[in-house]
Amino acid sequence: TGRIDKSYPTVCGHTGPVLDIDWCPHNDQVIASGSEDCTVMVWQIPENGLTLSLTEPVVVLEGHSKRVGIVAWHPTARNVLLSAGCDNAIIIWNVGTGEALINLDDMHVDMIYNVSWNRNGSLICTASKDKKVRVIDPRKQEIVAEKDKAHEGARPMRAIFLADGNIFTTGFSRMSERQLALWNPKNMEEPIALHEMDTSNGVLLPFYDPDTNIIYLCGKGDSSIRYFEITDESPYVHYLNTFSSKEPQRGMGFMPKRGLDVNKCEIARFFKLHERKCEPIIMTVPRKSDLFQDDLYPDTAGPEAALEAEEWFEGKNADPLLISLKHGYIPGKNRDLKVVKKNILDNKPAANKKSDLINAPKKAADASNTQNEAKLDEILKELKSIKDTITNQDERISKLEQQMAKIAD
């Protein structure tokens, strides 16, 4: 912690300021960034961190006509990335091929403040400057539900999905009081709960832990973090406590659950950005026992993707694959992110509009089926060769262990 060296290596491939970043949930070495230069870049960070500045992204995703303020990885499908820009368009990419596969460019008439995937990644919800919260099915390219004036105030809103499918929003009242609200997307007429907070003018950024159903609210420019538990009983949003510090926060990062220290009953870790440094803030539950606290650590989303990008685009859904934290999380080996660019000549125009999709001739579908089958064969071959390699290595390791044992004797 503290200040880092001026000559410390950075990731510096964008030609404009970076507006948003998101670590890949299925690969701890991969990070996506959106920038004022209208591009999204995906980076592979070396295993032990940077020793030299990184200027070459694994892939550059070009499709937005204005700056890209939001990037968000799909929670359960590998290599699916969403980006939203000031052109009011949302594009969903297959990072593995570098293609834009879904372009939602006619759903928002004003700036998009934030986008959130639901638990299995079948829906997204967005908060926009036109004061609407929308629930969108990205593959059907349709708005499933929307609420006009979710918060009456003119200042920015945020909306996130909870594990049970409800939506939690933060915003401002007409009198500029900060508010939080809970909504059921099946009936957006009235909120399940609506609470007024205070008259501070910092936007409330929600960070959600689906395992404990706790929401942490960090106000931009505040020096405190408030946290609430969401339950099925009235008043549904229960205030728990406030963490206060001296310095205001410029921004916040949130550690995934599997990165926490279960031996210290740590239930959340924030990375608080100050003017000149980044400070970890650790939330722990005081417990006398040294045993594993299974009520604090139910099985949590692991790093393995439940679906491949192609399966998700074809319409499949899957919940996150869960892991136990009983013995702490032991990171496995991350696969390198490989991007297989298709031949540009036999490529359809990347981002399809609805009309194009409807008029696309059957030939294209057949061609893509054969392409998919060929791809599947390729993947299966690769899997087989990897399995063979692992078997060989296992045999080799056991031989070496036997030799070592002999030498030791």
Protein backbone atom coordinates (compact mmCIF):
# COMPACT_ATOMS: atom_id res chain seq x y z
CA THR A 1 0.00 0.00 0.00
CA GLY A 2 1.00 3.59 -0.33
CA ARG A 3 2.54 5.48 -3.19
CA ILE A 4 4.12 3.56 -6.06
CA ASP A 5 7.25 4.39 -7.96
CA LYS A 6 6.91 6.97 -10.76
CA SER A 7 8.49 4.56 -13.22
CA TYR A 8 6.12 1.70 -12.30
CA PRO A 9 4.93 -0.17 -15.41
CA THR A 10 1.39 0.55 -16.65
CA VAL A 11 -1.09 -0.77 -19.18
CA CYS A 12 -1.05 2.01 -21.75
CA GLY A 13 -2.50 1.17 -25.15
CA HIS A 14 -5.47 3.55 -25.32
CA THR A 15 -5.07 6.92 -27.01
CA GLY A 16 -7.67 8.58 -24.74
CA PRO A 17 -8.46 8.43 -21.02
CA VAL A 18 -9.70 5.04 -19.73
CA LEU A 19 -13.24 5.41 -18.36
CA ASP A 20 -14.03 1.91 -17.09
CA ILE A 21 -12.27 -1.39 -16.41
CA ASP A 22 -13.54 -4.84 -15.46
CA TRP A 23 -11.58 -7.91 -14.39
CA CYS A 24 -12.70 -11.08 -16.15
CA PRO A 25 -14.58 -13.35 -13.70
CA HIS A 26 -13.22 -16.47 -15.43
CA ASN A 27 -9.58 -15.51 -15.76
CA ASP A 28 -7.72 -13.59 -13.07
CA GLN A 29 -5.13 -12.33 -15.58
CA VAL A 30 -7.55 -10.75 -18.05
CA ILE A 31 -8.94 -7.22 -17.83
CA ALA A 32 -11.16 -5.23 -20.21
CA SER A 33 -11.02 -1.46 -20.55
CA GLY A 34 -13.26 1.10 -22.27
CA SER A 35 -11.93 4.50 -23.29
CA GLU A 36 -12.63 7.92 -24.71
CA ASP A 37 -10.88 6.72 -27.88
CA CYS A 38 -14.16 4.81 -28.68
CA THR A 39 -12.52 1.39 -28.35
CA VAL A 40 -12.66 -1.49 -25.91
CA MET A 41 -9.39 -3.34 -25.30
CA VAL A 42 -8.82 -6.68 -23.61
CA TRP A 43 -5.49 -7.24 -21.87
CA GLN A 44 -3.67 -10.32 -20.61
CA ILE A 45 -1.67 -9.36 -17.52
CA PRO A 46 1.45 -11.57 -17.05
CA GLU A 47 1.18 -14.20 -14.29
CA ASN A 48 3.26 -12.32 -11.69
CA GLY A 49 2.19 -8.79 -12.61
CA LEU A 50 3.83 -6.25 -14.89
CA THR A 51 7.59 -5.92 -15.17
CA LEU A 52 7.39 -3.76 -18.31
CA SER A 53 4.62 -1.45 -19.48
CA LEU A 54 2.01 -3.29 -21.53
CA THR A 55 1.07 -1.60 -24.81
CA GLU A 56 -0.28 -4.52 -26.87
CA PRO A 57 -3.83 -5.65 -26.05
CA VAL A 58 -4.91 -9.19 -26.88
CA VAL A 59 -7.76 -7.73 -28.91
CA VAL A 60 -9.19 -4.30 -29.80
CA LEU A 61 -12.98 -4.18 -30.12
CA GLU A 62 -14.14 -1.37 -32.42
CA GLY A 63 -17.79 -0.62 -32.93
CA HIS A 64 -18.77 2.39 -30.84
CA SER A 65 -18.90 5.83 -32.46
CA LYS A 66 -18.45 7.73 -29.17
CA ARG A 67 -16.51 7.18 -25.96
CA VAL A 68 -17.06 3.88 -24.14
CA GLY A 69 -17.96 4.47 -20.50
CA ILE A 70 -19.02 0.98 -19.39
CA VAL A 71 -17.57 -2.53 -19.77
CA ALA A 72 -19.01 -5.61 -18.02
CA TRP A 73 -18.11 -9.28 -18.46
CA HIS A 74 -20.86 -11.89 -18.66
CA PRO A 75 -21.12 -13.66 -15.27
CA THR A 76 -21.29 -17.25 -16.53
CA ALA A 77 -20.30 -17.42 -20.24
CA ARG A 78 -16.64 -17.39 -21.22
CA ASN A 79 -15.36 -14.50 -23.36
CA VAL A 80 -18.68 -12.61 -23.56
CA LEU A 81 -18.22 -8.89 -22.90
CA LEU A 82 -20.74 -6.06 -22.86
CA SER A 83 -19.81 -2.46 -23.60
CA ALA A 84 -21.93 0.69 -23.52
CA GLY A 85 -20.95 4.05 -24.95
CA CYS A 86 -22.06 7.66 -25.20
CA ASP A 87 -23.55 6.74 -28.59
CA ASN A 88 -26.32 5.20 -26.35
CA ALA A 89 -25.55 1.79 -27.84
CA ILE A 90 -24.84 -1.46 -26.02
CA ILE A 91 -22.68 -3.97 -27.88
CA ILE A 92 -22.12 -7.56 -26.77
CA TRP A 93 -18.89 -9.07 -28.05
CA ASN A 94 -17.47 -12.53 -28.45
CA VAL A 95 -13.94 -11.71 -27.28
CA GLY A 96 -12.68 -15.10 -28.48
CA THR A 97 -13.33 -14.07 -32.10
CA GLY A 98 -13.21 -10.27 -31.70
CA GLU A 99 -16.72 -9.91 -33.19
CA ALA A 100 -19.68 -7.77 -32.17
CA LEU A 101 -22.57 -10.22 -32.11
CA ILE A 102 -25.38 -8.14 -30.63
CA ASN A 103 -25.88 -4.41 -31.11
CA LEU A 104 -28.64 -2.74 -29.08
CA ASP A 105 -28.50 0.76 -30.53
CA ASP A 106 -32.15 1.81 -30.54
CA MET A 107 -33.25 1.17 -26.95
CA HIS A 108 -31.75 4.17 -25.16
CA VAL A 109 -32.47 7.74 -26.17
CA ASP A 110 -30.10 9.22 -23.61
CA MET A 111 -26.84 8.49 -21.81
CA ILE A 112 -26.57 5.07 -20.11
CA TYR A 113 -25.40 5.43 -16.49
CA ASN A 114 -24.78 1.77 -15.78
CA VAL A 115 -25.51 -1.78 -16.94
CA SER A 116 -25.83 -4.90 -14.77
CA TRP A 117 -26.15 -8.58 -15.76
CA ASN A 118 -28.49 -10.82 -13.78
CA ARG A 119 -27.17 -13.90 -11.95
CA ASN A 120 -27.17 -16.27 -14.94
CA GLY A 121 -26.56 -13.58 -17.57
CA SER A 122 -29.87 -14.01 -19.42
CA LEU A 123 -30.99 -10.39 -18.83
CA ILE A 124 -29.42 -6.99 -18.32
CA CYS A 125 -30.79 -3.95 -16.52
CA THR A 126 -29.78 -0.40 -17.32
CA ALA A 127 -30.19 3.00 -15.68
CA SER A 128 -30.29 5.94 -18.05
CA LYS A 129 -30.29 9.73 -18.01
CA ASP A 130 -33.93 9.72 -19.19
CA LYS A 131 -34.73 8.48 -15.61
CA LYS A 132 -35.80 5.05 -16.89
CA VAL A 133 -34.71 1.69 -15.58
CA ARG A 134 -34.97 -0.92 -18.33
CA VAL A 135 -34.78 -4.71 -18.18
CA ILE A 136 -33.58 -6.04 -21.54
CA ASP A 137 -33.30 -9.51 -23.04
CA PRO A 138 -30.16 -8.94 -25.15
CA ARG A 139 -30.49 -12.04 -27.34
CA LYS A 140 -34.12 -11.35 -28.25
CA GLN A 141 -33.19 -7.65 -28.48
CA GLU A 142 -36.30 -6.57 -26.62
CA ILE A 143 -37.19 -4.58 -23.51
CA VAL A 144 -38.85 -6.95 -21.02
CA ALA A 145 -39.78 -4.31 -18.42
CA GLU A 146 -39.17 -0.65 -17.79
CA LYS A 147 -39.92 1.95 -15.15
CA ASP A 148 -40.13 5.62 -15.99
CA LYS A 149 -38.91 8.02 -13.28
CA ALA A 150 -37.62 5.23 -11.02
CA HIS A 151 -36.13 8.17 -9.08
CA GLU A 152 -37.56 11.62 -9.77
CA GLY A 153 -34.34 13.60 -9.35
CA ALA A 154 -32.19 14.72 -12.27
CA ARG A 155 -28.90 13.37 -10.92
CA PRO A 156 -27.42 10.00 -11.98
CA MET A 157 -29.01 6.67 -11.01
CA ARG A 158 -27.60 3.19 -10.66
CA ALA A 159 -29.45 -0.13 -11.06
CA ILE A 160 -28.18 -3.63 -10.28
CA PHE A 161 -29.69 -7.11 -10.37
CA LEU A 162 -29.86 -9.12 -7.13
CA ALA A 163 -29.48 -12.90 -6.95
CA ASP A 164 -33.26 -13.44 -6.64
CA GLY A 165 -33.97 -11.46 -9.83
CA ASN A 166 -35.14 -8.27 -8.12
CA ILE A 167 -33.52 -4.94 -8.99
CA PHE A 168 -31.89 -2.53 -6.55
CA THR A 169 -31.57 1.13 -7.55
CA THR A 170 -29.98 4.26 -6.12
CA GLY A 171 -30.87 7.77 -7.21
CA PHE A 172 -32.23 11.11 -6.08
CA SER A 173 -35.67 12.42 -5.13
CA ARG A 174 -37.16 15.56 -6.60
CA MET A 175 -35.85 17.40 -3.53
CA SER A 176 -32.33 16.05 -4.27
CA GLU A 177 -32.35 13.62 -1.37
CA ARG A 178 -30.47 10.39 -1.99
CA GLN A 179 -32.75 7.37 -2.33
CA LEU A 180 -32.49 3.63 -2.63
CA ALA A 181 -35.24 1.38 -3.92
CA LEU A 182 -36.04 -2.29 -4.53
CA TRP A 183 -38.10 -3.39 -7.56
CA ASN A 184 -39.68 -6.55 -8.87
CA PRO A 185 -39.15 -6.59 -12.67
CA LYS A 186 -42.44 -8.49 -13.13
CA ASN A 187 -44.31 -5.49 -11.73
CA MET A 188 -42.46 -2.18 -11.93
CA GLU A 189 -45.44 0.01 -11.05
CA GLU A 190 -44.45 0.51 -7.42
CA PRO A 191 -41.16 -0.27 -5.67
CA ILE A 192 -41.08 -3.09 -3.10
CA ALA A 193 -39.23 -0.64 -0.84
CA LEU A 194 -38.10 2.98 -1.11
CA HIS A 195 -35.85 4.71 1.44
CA GLU A 196 -34.69 8.31 1.65
CA MET A 197 -31.11 8.65 2.88
CA ASP A 198 -29.63 12.15 3.13
CA THR A 199 -29.07 15.28 1.08
CA SER A 200 -25.48 14.67 0.06
CA ASN A 201 -24.92 15.01 -3.69
CA GLY A 202 -22.46 12.14 -4.34
CA VAL A 203 -23.82 9.35 -6.55
CA LEU A 204 -24.30 6.16 -4.51
CA LEU A 205 -22.37 3.26 -6.06
CA PRO A 206 -23.83 -0.13 -5.04
CA PHE A 207 -21.59 -3.18 -4.49
CA TYR A 208 -23.50 -6.41 -3.97
CA ASP A 209 -22.53 -9.69 -2.33
CA PRO A 210 -25.02 -12.35 -3.51
CA ASP A 211 -23.84 -14.90 -0.92
CA THR A 212 -24.79 -12.85 2.13
CA ASN A 213 -27.33 -10.59 0.37
CA ILE A 214 -25.55 -7.50 1.63
CA ILE A 215 -25.35 -4.29 -0.42
CA TYR A 216 -22.57 -1.81 0.28
CA LEU A 217 -23.22 1.77 -0.80
CA CYS A 218 -20.20 3.95 -1.44
CA GLY A 219 -21.02 7.56 -2.21
CA LYS A 220 -18.64 9.29 -4.60
CA GLY A 221 -16.86 11.93 -2.54
CA ASP A 222 -18.19 10.49 0.75
CA SER A 223 -15.87 9.20 3.40
CA SER A 224 -18.27 6.46 4.53
CA ILE A 225 -19.60 3.11 3.32
CA ARG A 226 -23.12 2.13 4.40
CA TYR A 227 -24.31 -1.42 4.20
CA PHE A 228 -27.73 -3.00 4.11
CA GLU A 229 -29.11 -6.52 4.13
CA ILE A 230 -31.82 -7.45 1.63
CA THR A 231 -34.43 -9.92 2.95
CA ASP A 232 -37.88 -11.24 2.03
CA GLU A 233 -39.55 -9.57 5.02
CA SER A 234 -40.63 -5.96 5.40
CA PRO A 235 -38.93 -3.45 5.29
CA TYR A 236 -36.91 -5.66 2.81
CA VAL A 237 -33.86 -3.34 2.93
CA HIS A 238 -32.41 -3.39 6.45
CA TYR A 239 -29.76 -0.89 7.48
CA LEU A 240 -26.82 -2.68 9.16
CA ASN A 241 -24.05 -0.18 9.81
CA THR A 242 -21.76 2.54 8.46
CA PHE A 243 -18.00 2.37 8.04
CA SER A 244 -16.51 5.85 8.37
CA SER A 245 -13.04 7.15 7.60
CA LYS A 246 -11.43 10.58 7.32
CA GLU A 247 -10.68 10.81 3.61
CA PRO A 248 -13.28 10.93 0.83
CA GLN A 249 -13.28 8.18 -1.79
CA ARG A 250 -12.66 8.93 -5.47
CA GLY A 251 -13.73 5.47 -6.53
CA MET A 252 -14.04 1.92 -5.23
CA GLY A 253 -13.03 -1.56 -6.28
CA PHE A 254 -14.53 -4.76 -4.83
CA MET A 255 -12.63 -8.01 -4.27
CA PRO A 256 -14.40 -11.18 -5.49
CA LYS A 257 -15.50 -13.43 -2.61
CA ARG A 258 -12.87 -16.08 -3.39
CA GLY A 259 -10.11 -13.51 -2.78
CA LEU A 260 -11.06 -13.01 0.89
CA ASP A 261 -9.34 -14.44 3.96
CA VAL A 262 -11.84 -16.93 5.40
CA ASN A 263 -9.64 -17.55 8.47
CA LYS A 264 -10.18 -13.94 9.58
CA CYS A 265 -13.96 -13.97 8.89
CA GLU A 266 -13.41 -11.34 6.20
CA ILE A 267 -16.71 -10.80 4.34
CA ALA A 268 -15.76 -7.90 2.07
CA ARG A 269 -12.66 -6.07 0.91
CA PHE A 270 -12.77 -2.75 -0.86
CA PHE A 271 -9.99 -0.90 -2.63
CA LYS A 272 -10.56 2.76 -1.93
CA LEU A 273 -9.06 5.21 -4.36
CA HIS A 274 -7.73 8.40 -2.76
CA GLU A 275 -6.16 11.29 -4.59
CA ARG A 276 -2.72 9.71 -4.45
CA LYS A 277 -3.09 6.12 -3.29
CA CYS A 278 -5.25 3.01 -3.20
CA GLU A 279 -6.15 1.74 0.26
CA PRO A 280 -7.63 -1.68 1.14
CA ILE A 281 -10.64 -1.55 3.48
CA ILE A 282 -11.40 -4.90 5.08
CA MET A 283 -14.79 -5.80 6.59
CA THR A 284 -14.71 -8.66 9.10
CA VAL A 285 -17.31 -10.28 11.33
CA PRO A 286 -15.94 -10.61 14.91
CA ARG A 287 -16.13 -14.31 15.84
CA LYS A 288 -14.32 -16.09 18.67
CA SER A 289 -14.12 -19.48 16.96
CA ASP A 290 -11.26 -20.41 14.63
CA LEU A 291 -13.45 -22.90 12.75
CA PHE A 292 -14.73 -22.28 9.23
CA GLN A 293 -17.90 -20.16 9.44
CA ASP A 294 -20.18 -21.75 6.87
CA ASP A 295 -22.99 -19.24 7.47
CA LEU A 296 -20.64 -16.43 6.33
CA TYR A 297 -19.25 -18.40 3.39
CA PRO A 298 -21.89 -20.36 1.49
CA ASP A 299 -20.61 -21.82 -1.79
CA THR A 300 -19.67 -18.89 -4.02
CA ALA A 301 -19.19 -18.32 -7.75
CA GLY A 302 -15.91 -19.91 -8.84
CA PRO A 303 -13.63 -18.92 -11.72
CA GLU A 304 -14.81 -21.65 -14.11
CA ALA A 305 -17.22 -20.49 -16.85
CA ALA A 306 -20.49 -22.46 -17.01
CA LEU A 307 -20.96 -21.83 -20.75
CA GLU A 308 -18.88 -21.10 -23.81
CA ALA A 309 -19.64 -17.87 -25.70
CA GLU A 310 -21.23 -19.73 -28.65
CA GLU A 311 -23.62 -21.66 -26.35
CA TRP A 312 -24.82 -18.44 -24.74
CA PHE A 313 -25.33 -16.69 -28.09
CA GLU A 314 -27.33 -19.75 -29.24
CA GLY A 315 -29.73 -19.24 -26.33
CA LYS A 316 -28.45 -21.42 -23.49
CA ASN A 317 -28.42 -20.19 -19.87
CA ALA A 318 -26.51 -21.48 -16.87
CA ASP A 319 -26.07 -20.40 -13.26
CA PRO A 320 -22.54 -19.73 -11.97
CA LEU A 321 -20.51 -22.83 -11.04
CA LEU A 322 -20.06 -22.65 -7.27
CA ILE A 323 -17.02 -23.54 -5.17
CA SER A 324 -16.55 -24.01 -1.43
CA LEU A 325 -14.21 -21.67 0.43
CA LYS A 326 -13.76 -24.09 3.34
CA HIS A 327 -10.00 -24.42 2.85
CA GLY A 328 -9.54 -20.99 1.29
CA TYR A 329 -9.43 -20.48 -2.45
CA ILE A 330 -6.44 -22.00 -4.24
CA PRO A 331 -6.07 -20.37 -7.66
CA GLY A 332 -5.67 -22.78 -10.56
CA LYS A 333 -3.71 -22.12 -13.73
CA ASN A 334 -5.37 -19.49 -15.89
CA ARG A 335 -5.62 -20.25 -19.59
CA ASP A 336 -4.17 -17.65 -21.92
CA LEU A 337 -6.82 -15.70 -23.76
CA LYS A 338 -6.62 -16.66 -27.42
CA VAL A 339 -8.45 -14.66 -30.07
CA VAL A 340 -9.24 -16.47 -33.31
CA LYS A 341 -10.11 -13.80 -35.88
CA LYS A 342 -12.29 -15.14 -38.67
CA ASN A 343 -11.49 -14.46 -42.31
CA ILE A 344 -12.82 -10.95 -42.95
CA LEU A 345 -13.87 -11.85 -46.51
CA ASP A 346 -16.33 -14.58 -45.58
CA ASN A 347 -17.59 -12.53 -42.64
CA LYS A 348 -21.04 -11.04 -42.35
CA PRO A 349 -21.24 -7.36 -41.29
CA ALA A 350 -20.41 -7.65 -37.60
CA ALA A 351 -23.23 -6.09 -35.62
CA ASN A 352 -26.56 -7.36 -36.93
CA LYS A 353 -29.68 -5.26 -36.77
CA LYS A 354 -32.99 -7.08 -36.19
CA SER A 355 -34.10 -6.70 -39.83
CA ASP A 356 -30.88 -8.24 -41.13
CA LEU A 357 -31.33 -11.18 -38.80
CA ILE A 358 -34.87 -11.81 -40.05
CA ASN A 359 -33.92 -11.57 -43.75
CA ALA A 360 -30.74 -13.63 -43.44
CA PRO A 361 -31.09 -16.55 -45.86
CA LYS A 362 -31.06 -20.13 -44.60
CA LYS A 363 -27.72 -20.71 -46.37
CA ALA A 364 -25.98 -18.52 -43.85
CA ALA A 365 -27.41 -20.61 -41.00
CA ASP A 366 -26.21 -23.84 -42.64
CA ALA A 367 -22.78 -22.33 -43.24
CA SER A 368 -22.54 -21.21 -39.65
CA ASN A 369 -23.63 -24.70 -38.48
CA THR A 370 -20.84 -26.36 -40.45
CA GLN A 371 -18.45 -23.70 -39.15
CA ASN A 372 -19.61 -24.44 -35.60
CA GLU A 373 -19.20 -28.20 -36.10
CA ALA A 374 -15.69 -27.69 -37.48
CA LYS A 375 -14.90 -25.44 -34.53
CA LEU A 376 -16.30 -28.06 -32.11
CA ASP A 377 -14.13 -30.78 -33.68
CA GLU A 378 -11.13 -28.49 -33.35
CA ILE A 379 -11.89 -27.81 -29.69
CA LEU A 380 -12.42 -31.51 -28.94
CA LYS A 381 -9.09 -32.37 -30.62
CA GLU A 382 -7.35 -29.68 -28.59
CA LEU A 383 -8.99 -30.98 -25.39
CA LYS A 384 -7.86 -34.52 -26.17
CA SER A 385 -4.28 -33.39 -26.79
CA ILE A 386 -4.30 -31.39 -23.52
CA LYS A 387 -5.62 -34.46 -21.63
CA ASP A 388 -2.91 -36.63 -23.19
CA THR A 389 -0.25 -34.11 -22.21
CA ILE A 390 -1.57 -34.02 -18.62
CA THR A 391 -1.54 -37.84 -18.41
CA ASN A 392 2.05 -37.95 -19.70
CA GLN A 393 3.12 -35.23 -17.26
CA ASP A 394 1.42 -37.10 -14.37
CA GLU A 395 3.31 -40.28 -15.25
CA ARG A 396 6.54 -38.32 -15.50
CA ILE A 397 5.95 -36.62 -12.14
CA SER A 398 5.24 -39.93 -10.39
CA LYS A 399 8.43 -41.46 -11.88
CA LEU A 400 10.45 -38.47 -10.70
CA GLU A 401 8.84 -38.74 -7.23
CA GLN A 402 9.83 -42.41 -7.07
CA GLN A 403 13.40 -41.51 -8.07
CA MET A 404 13.50 -38.76 -5.43
CA ALA A 405 12.22 -41.22 -2.80
CA LYS A 406 15.00 -43.69 -3.74
CA ILE A 407 17.64 -40.96 -3.51
CA ALA A 408 16.27 -39.83 -0.14
CA ASP A 409 16.40 -43.43 1.15
